Amino acid sequence: MVQKQVRDVIEAQGVEIAVISRENQADYMSLTDIARFKSDEPNDVIKNWLRNRNTLEYLGLWERLNNPGFKPVEFDGFKNEAGKNSFVLSPQKWISATGAIGLQVKAGRYGGGTFAHIDIAMEFASWLSPEFKLYIIKDYQRLKKDESHRLKLEWNAKRELSKINYRIHTDAIKDNLIPPELTQKQRNIVYAREADVLNTALFGKTAKEWREQNPRLPGNIRDYASIYQLIVLVNIESINAELIKIGKSQEERLVYLRKVVVGQLKSITSIPAVQRLENIAMQSAQIEANNSMYGQKSAIDMTSDTQ
């Protein structure tokens, strides 16, 4: 499946910088655009940066941490040559020789150039100018905030899905399983037990069992459900309501619902529309991670960069 790619532009001190986002992946930022802050010959600026031994050590460490296919022997050869007057290294040569993934070179007069993972792009910006880097961070934060807001609006659909048949399910419990003489506390116990019928059918455990296994996580078991699981939850709420109405026992209902869960999860995982919803959730998580890294820590970056 071809991954969807989104191209945005941020601005720092009058310089427009392209940012490419892909589903479930970190952003890549144009080093070519960043380098135009210093020179009309951005490729030369990037090559000079790559000649630096500190740069190569940083890139090598980043690749070791993030790229299982990185070639350390070839990297050592470049590192040993770094700093010599005769040493020249282009992004293309670095990528082809070491199998690096932190840099990417895109062809084309418009939209082409050298792109880097956001971590590396920020390192490059620091090398050019700590002040310029802060302007980049500021507008990148703005971009991610706008994107996060949009995705959160779409992602509300995930939470709303779980509410669709909730009333149908609770009404069936109230009308068929709760005698009028029960106290409110006793009624709550019945509702909780029926909720755990669904939890056990879908997740293989009760809410209490999940909490005991995850004492440090906030929320409840359903807060950590995938979009696939929430869609099936909507369906089995309705099915369980009907089974309650016709007098099936809890044990019978659990066995039947488990079969439904297995069958439906197998079917819906191949539906493109559902996959897009799941991708929205994962993009939201990635955005929050980026915001945390390049948002809350920007003051720390400013301190370290100006020392």
Protein backbone atom coordinates (compact mmCIF):
# COMPACT_ATOMS: atom_id res chain seq x y z
CA MET A 1 0.00 0.00 0.00
CA VAL A 2 1.34 3.45 -0.97
CA GLN A 3 1.68 5.66 2.09
CA LYS A 4 -0.11 8.98 2.04
CA GLN A 5 2.33 11.89 2.07
CA VAL A 6 1.47 15.43 3.11
CA ARG A 7 3.68 18.39 2.27
CA ASP A 8 3.50 21.53 4.42
CA VAL A 9 5.56 24.69 4.60
CA ILE A 10 6.74 26.56 7.68
CA GLU A 11 8.51 29.94 7.75
CA ALA A 12 11.46 31.12 9.81
CA GLN A 13 12.86 34.62 9.42
CA GLY A 14 11.43 34.88 5.93
CA VAL A 15 12.75 31.48 4.78
CA GLU A 16 10.13 28.96 3.65
CA ILE A 17 10.96 25.39 4.73
CA ALA A 18 9.17 22.30 3.42
CA VAL A 19 8.03 19.62 5.86
CA ILE A 20 6.92 16.19 4.68
CA SER A 21 4.66 14.06 6.85
CA ARG A 22 3.77 10.40 6.28
CA GLU A 23 1.28 8.22 8.08
CA ASN A 24 2.72 6.66 11.23
CA GLN A 25 6.18 8.15 10.66
CA ALA A 26 8.15 11.11 11.94
CA ASP A 27 8.35 14.27 9.83
CA TYR A 28 11.19 15.06 7.44
CA MET A 29 12.27 18.66 6.93
CA SER A 30 14.11 20.19 3.96
CA LEU A 31 17.77 20.83 4.73
CA THR A 32 18.01 22.51 1.34
CA ASP A 33 15.47 25.12 2.41
CA ILE A 34 17.10 25.58 5.83
CA ALA A 35 20.50 26.07 4.19
CA ARG A 36 19.14 28.95 2.12
CA PHE A 37 19.22 30.99 5.31
CA LYS A 38 23.01 31.11 4.88
CA SER A 39 23.63 30.85 1.15
CA ASP A 40 22.12 30.81 -2.31
CA GLU A 41 24.11 27.60 -2.83
CA PRO A 42 22.41 25.34 -0.27
CA ASN A 43 24.00 22.14 -1.53
CA ASP A 44 27.45 23.49 -0.69
CA VAL A 45 26.30 24.38 2.82
CA ILE A 46 25.02 20.82 3.37
CA LYS A 47 28.25 19.29 2.07
CA ASN A 48 30.30 21.49 4.39
CA TRP A 49 28.17 20.35 7.31
CA LEU A 50 28.67 16.70 6.34
CA ARG A 51 32.47 17.17 6.26
CA ASN A 52 32.44 17.98 9.97
CA ARG A 53 33.52 15.14 12.26
CA ASN A 54 31.01 16.12 14.94
CA THR A 55 28.26 15.94 12.34
CA LEU A 56 29.26 12.44 11.26
CA GLU A 57 29.46 11.23 14.84
CA TYR A 58 25.95 12.55 15.47
CA LEU A 59 24.56 11.03 12.28
CA GLY A 60 26.27 7.72 12.99
CA LEU A 61 24.81 7.53 16.49
CA TRP A 62 21.35 8.49 15.25
CA GLU A 63 21.44 5.75 12.63
CA ARG A 64 22.64 3.14 15.13
CA LEU A 65 19.72 4.03 17.40
CA ASN A 66 17.07 4.09 14.67
CA ASN A 67 18.24 2.03 11.72
CA PRO A 68 18.95 -1.72 12.00
CA GLY A 69 20.28 -1.70 8.42
CA PHE A 70 22.95 0.90 9.05
CA LYS A 71 26.46 -0.12 7.89
CA PRO A 72 28.96 0.76 10.65
CA VAL A 73 32.07 -0.32 8.72
CA GLU A 74 31.36 2.13 5.89
CA PHE A 75 30.54 4.78 8.48
CA ASP A 76 33.91 4.32 10.20
CA GLY A 77 35.63 4.93 6.87
CA PHE A 78 33.92 8.30 6.50
CA LYS A 79 34.58 9.24 10.13
CA ASN A 80 38.28 8.56 9.77
CA GLU A 81 38.46 10.91 6.77
CA ALA A 82 36.36 13.68 8.32
CA GLY A 83 38.16 16.96 8.81
CA LYS A 84 40.78 16.44 6.10
CA ASN A 85 40.98 19.10 3.40
CA SER A 86 40.43 16.49 0.71
CA PHE A 87 37.34 15.00 2.34
CA VAL A 88 34.07 15.66 0.52
CA LEU A 89 30.77 13.97 1.32
CA SER A 90 27.42 14.47 -0.38
CA PRO A 91 24.06 13.33 1.02
CA GLN A 92 23.69 10.86 -1.85
CA LYS A 93 27.06 9.25 -1.12
CA TRP A 94 26.31 9.05 2.60
CA ILE A 95 22.97 7.34 2.00
CA SER A 96 24.15 4.87 -0.64
CA ALA A 97 27.30 3.85 1.23
CA THR A 98 25.90 3.46 4.75
CA GLY A 99 22.24 2.62 4.14
CA ALA A 100 21.27 5.70 6.16
CA ILE A 101 17.60 6.58 6.57
CA GLY A 102 17.93 9.86 8.46
CA LEU A 103 18.66 11.77 5.24
CA GLN A 104 16.66 11.53 2.02
CA VAL A 105 17.36 13.06 -1.37
CA LYS A 106 14.41 13.89 -3.59
CA ALA A 107 14.74 14.69 -7.28
CA GLY A 108 12.94 17.53 -8.97
CA ARG A 109 13.44 21.20 -9.61
CA TYR A 110 10.42 22.07 -7.52
CA GLY A 111 10.07 20.26 -4.24
CA GLY A 112 13.33 18.36 -4.56
CA GLY A 113 16.43 18.58 -2.42
CA THR A 114 17.84 17.00 0.73
CA PHE A 115 15.43 16.18 3.54
CA ALA A 116 16.23 15.02 7.05
CA HIS A 117 14.40 13.42 9.95
CA ILE A 118 13.19 16.16 12.28
CA ASP A 119 15.88 15.27 14.85
CA ILE A 120 18.64 15.72 12.30
CA ALA A 121 17.07 18.82 10.76
CA MET A 122 17.13 20.54 14.14
CA GLU A 123 20.79 19.57 14.60
CA PHE A 124 21.59 21.08 11.19
CA ALA A 125 19.70 24.26 12.08
CA SER A 126 21.70 24.55 15.32
CA TRP A 127 24.92 24.28 13.34
CA LEU A 128 23.79 27.13 11.08
CA SER A 129 22.40 29.41 13.78
CA PRO A 130 20.94 28.70 17.24
CA GLU A 131 18.70 31.74 16.83
CA PHE A 132 17.42 30.55 13.45
CA LYS A 133 16.72 27.14 14.95
CA LEU A 134 14.42 28.71 17.55
CA TYR A 135 12.41 30.44 14.82
CA ILE A 136 12.09 27.09 13.04
CA ILE A 137 10.90 25.40 16.24
CA LYS A 138 8.33 28.13 16.84
CA ASP A 139 6.64 27.78 13.45
CA TYR A 140 6.99 23.99 13.49
CA GLN A 141 5.09 24.02 16.80
CA ARG A 142 2.39 26.12 15.15
CA LEU A 143 2.13 23.62 12.28
CA LYS A 144 1.88 20.64 14.62
CA LYS A 145 -0.65 22.40 16.84
CA ASP A 146 -2.89 23.11 13.86
CA GLU A 147 -2.51 19.54 12.62
CA SER A 148 -3.11 18.07 16.05
CA HIS A 149 -6.33 20.08 16.43
CA ARG A 150 -7.60 18.84 13.06
CA LEU A 151 -6.80 15.23 13.84
CA LYS A 152 -8.36 15.45 17.29
CA LEU A 153 -11.59 16.65 15.74
CA GLU A 154 -11.56 13.66 13.40
CA TRP A 155 -10.46 11.32 16.16
CA ASN A 156 -13.48 12.21 18.26
CA ALA A 157 -15.28 9.78 15.96
CA LYS A 158 -13.41 6.96 17.69
CA ARG A 159 -14.76 7.87 21.11
CA GLU A 160 -18.25 8.51 19.76
CA LEU A 161 -18.37 5.06 18.22
CA SER A 162 -18.39 3.44 21.63
CA LYS A 163 -21.48 5.44 22.63
CA ILE A 164 -23.73 4.50 19.71
CA ASN A 165 -25.29 1.37 21.19
CA TYR A 166 -24.56 2.10 24.85
CA ARG A 167 -28.15 3.14 25.59
CA ILE A 168 -29.56 0.09 23.82
CA HIS A 169 -27.33 -2.17 25.90
CA THR A 170 -28.05 -0.53 29.26
CA ASP A 171 -31.80 -0.44 28.58
CA ALA A 172 -31.78 -4.18 27.88
CA ILE A 173 -29.95 -4.78 31.17
CA LYS A 174 -32.37 -2.54 33.10
CA ASP A 175 -35.51 -4.08 31.59
CA ASN A 176 -34.46 -7.73 31.81
CA LEU A 177 -31.79 -8.23 34.48
CA ILE A 178 -32.47 -5.67 37.20
CA PRO A 179 -35.46 -6.24 39.51
CA PRO A 180 -37.03 -2.98 40.77
CA GLU A 181 -36.29 -3.81 44.42
CA LEU A 182 -32.50 -3.65 43.94
CA THR A 183 -30.61 -0.76 45.50
CA GLN A 184 -28.59 1.59 43.32
CA LYS A 185 -25.37 -0.06 44.50
CA GLN A 186 -26.72 -3.49 43.50
CA ARG A 187 -27.81 -2.13 40.13
CA ASN A 188 -24.35 -0.75 39.50
CA ILE A 189 -22.87 -4.18 40.20
CA VAL A 190 -25.17 -5.73 37.57
CA TYR A 191 -24.20 -3.08 34.99
CA ALA A 192 -20.50 -3.62 35.77
CA ARG A 193 -20.80 -7.39 35.38
CA GLU A 194 -22.49 -7.00 32.01
CA ALA A 195 -19.83 -4.52 30.91
CA ASP A 196 -17.27 -7.15 31.81
CA VAL A 197 -19.06 -9.69 29.62
CA LEU A 198 -18.24 -7.40 26.71
CA ASN A 199 -14.73 -6.70 28.02
CA THR A 200 -13.97 -10.40 28.36
CA ALA A 201 -15.37 -11.20 24.93
CA LEU A 202 -13.39 -8.38 23.29
CA PHE A 203 -10.19 -8.04 25.35
CA GLY A 204 -10.02 -11.42 27.09
CA LYS A 205 -10.10 -9.85 30.56
CA THR A 206 -12.31 -7.88 32.92
CA ALA A 207 -11.85 -4.22 33.79
CA LYS A 208 -10.50 -5.19 37.21
CA GLU A 209 -8.00 -7.64 35.73
CA TRP A 210 -6.76 -4.96 33.31
CA ARG A 211 -6.37 -2.46 36.15
CA GLU A 212 -4.38 -4.96 38.24
CA GLN A 213 -2.08 -5.59 35.25
CA ASN A 214 -1.68 -1.86 34.46
CA PRO A 215 -1.71 -0.02 37.80
CA ARG A 216 0.14 3.03 36.49
CA LEU A 217 -1.95 3.68 33.40
CA PRO A 218 -4.71 6.29 33.64
CA GLY A 219 -8.24 5.63 32.40
CA ASN A 220 -9.78 2.24 31.79
CA ILE A 221 -9.41 -0.73 29.48
CA ARG A 222 -11.57 0.75 26.72
CA ASP A 223 -9.48 3.94 26.56
CA TYR A 224 -6.69 1.79 25.09
CA ALA A 225 -8.81 -0.04 22.53
CA SER A 226 -7.94 0.16 18.86
CA ILE A 227 -10.45 1.54 16.39
CA TYR A 228 -11.06 -2.04 15.25
CA GLN A 229 -11.95 -3.11 18.78
CA LEU A 230 -14.24 -0.11 19.30
CA ILE A 231 -16.16 -0.86 16.12
CA VAL A 232 -16.67 -4.45 17.24
CA LEU A 233 -17.66 -3.20 20.71
CA VAL A 234 -20.46 -1.16 19.15
CA ASN A 235 -21.69 -4.28 17.39
CA ILE A 236 -21.54 -6.68 20.33
CA GLU A 237 -23.34 -4.19 22.60
CA SER A 238 -26.34 -4.46 20.31
CA ILE A 239 -26.02 -8.24 19.97
CA ASN A 240 -25.72 -8.74 23.72
CA ALA A 241 -28.81 -6.59 24.26
CA GLU A 242 -30.82 -8.89 22.00
CA LEU A 243 -29.44 -12.02 23.68
CA ILE A 244 -30.42 -10.61 27.06
CA LYS A 245 -33.96 -9.99 25.81
CA ILE A 246 -34.42 -13.61 24.71
CA GLY A 247 -33.18 -14.93 28.03
CA LYS A 248 -29.74 -16.33 27.20
CA SER A 249 -27.52 -16.91 30.23
CA GLN A 250 -24.36 -14.89 30.79
CA GLU A 251 -22.21 -17.94 30.02
CA GLU A 252 -24.04 -18.60 26.76
CA ARG A 253 -23.79 -14.98 25.73
CA LEU A 254 -20.06 -14.82 26.46
CA VAL A 255 -19.32 -17.86 24.30
CA TYR A 256 -21.39 -16.50 21.42
CA LEU A 257 -20.00 -12.97 21.65
CA ARG A 258 -16.44 -14.26 21.62
CA LYS A 259 -17.11 -16.00 18.31
CA VAL A 260 -18.58 -12.78 16.94
CA VAL A 261 -15.53 -10.79 18.06
CA VAL A 262 -13.09 -13.15 16.35
CA GLY A 263 -15.04 -13.13 13.11
CA GLN A 264 -15.61 -9.38 12.96
CA LEU A 265 -12.04 -8.42 13.84
CA LYS A 266 -10.83 -10.65 11.04
CA SER A 267 -13.18 -8.95 8.57
CA ILE A 268 -12.79 -5.26 9.42
CA THR A 269 -9.00 -5.15 9.55
CA SER A 270 -8.95 -5.18 5.76
CA ILE A 271 -11.46 -2.32 5.29
CA PRO A 272 -9.62 0.84 4.03
CA ALA A 273 -11.96 3.28 5.78
CA VAL A 274 -11.30 1.63 9.14
CA GLN A 275 -7.56 1.61 8.49
CA ARG A 276 -7.69 5.36 7.87
CA LEU A 277 -9.36 5.92 11.25
CA GLU A 278 -6.69 3.85 12.95
CA ASN A 279 -4.01 5.87 11.16
CA ILE A 280 -5.55 9.06 12.51
CA ALA A 281 -5.09 7.76 16.03
CA MET A 282 -1.46 6.87 15.39
CA GLN A 283 -0.77 10.24 13.75
CA SER A 284 -2.24 11.98 16.79
CA ALA A 285 0.13 10.05 19.03
CA GLN A 286 3.11 10.96 16.82
CA ILE A 287 2.12 14.62 16.82
CA GLU A 288 1.88 14.65 20.60
CA ALA A 289 5.35 13.12 20.78
CA ASN A 290 6.77 15.74 18.39
CA ASN A 291 5.07 18.54 20.31
CA SER A 292 6.59 17.27 23.52
CA MET A 293 10.07 16.99 22.03
CA TYR A 294 10.12 20.32 20.18
CA GLY A 295 7.65 22.21 22.31
CA GLN A 296 8.13 21.89 26.02
CA LYS A 297 11.88 21.47 25.65
CA SER A 298 12.47 24.51 23.47
CA ALA A 299 13.70 26.56 26.41
CA ILE A 300 16.24 23.86 27.22
CA ASP A 301 17.31 23.82 23.58
CA MET A 302 17.79 27.60 23.69
CA THR A 303 19.99 27.35 26.75
CA SER A 304 22.17 24.56 25.42
CA ASP A 305 22.48 26.09 21.96
CA THR A 306 23.71 29.44 23.19
CA GLN A 307 26.37 28.07 25.53
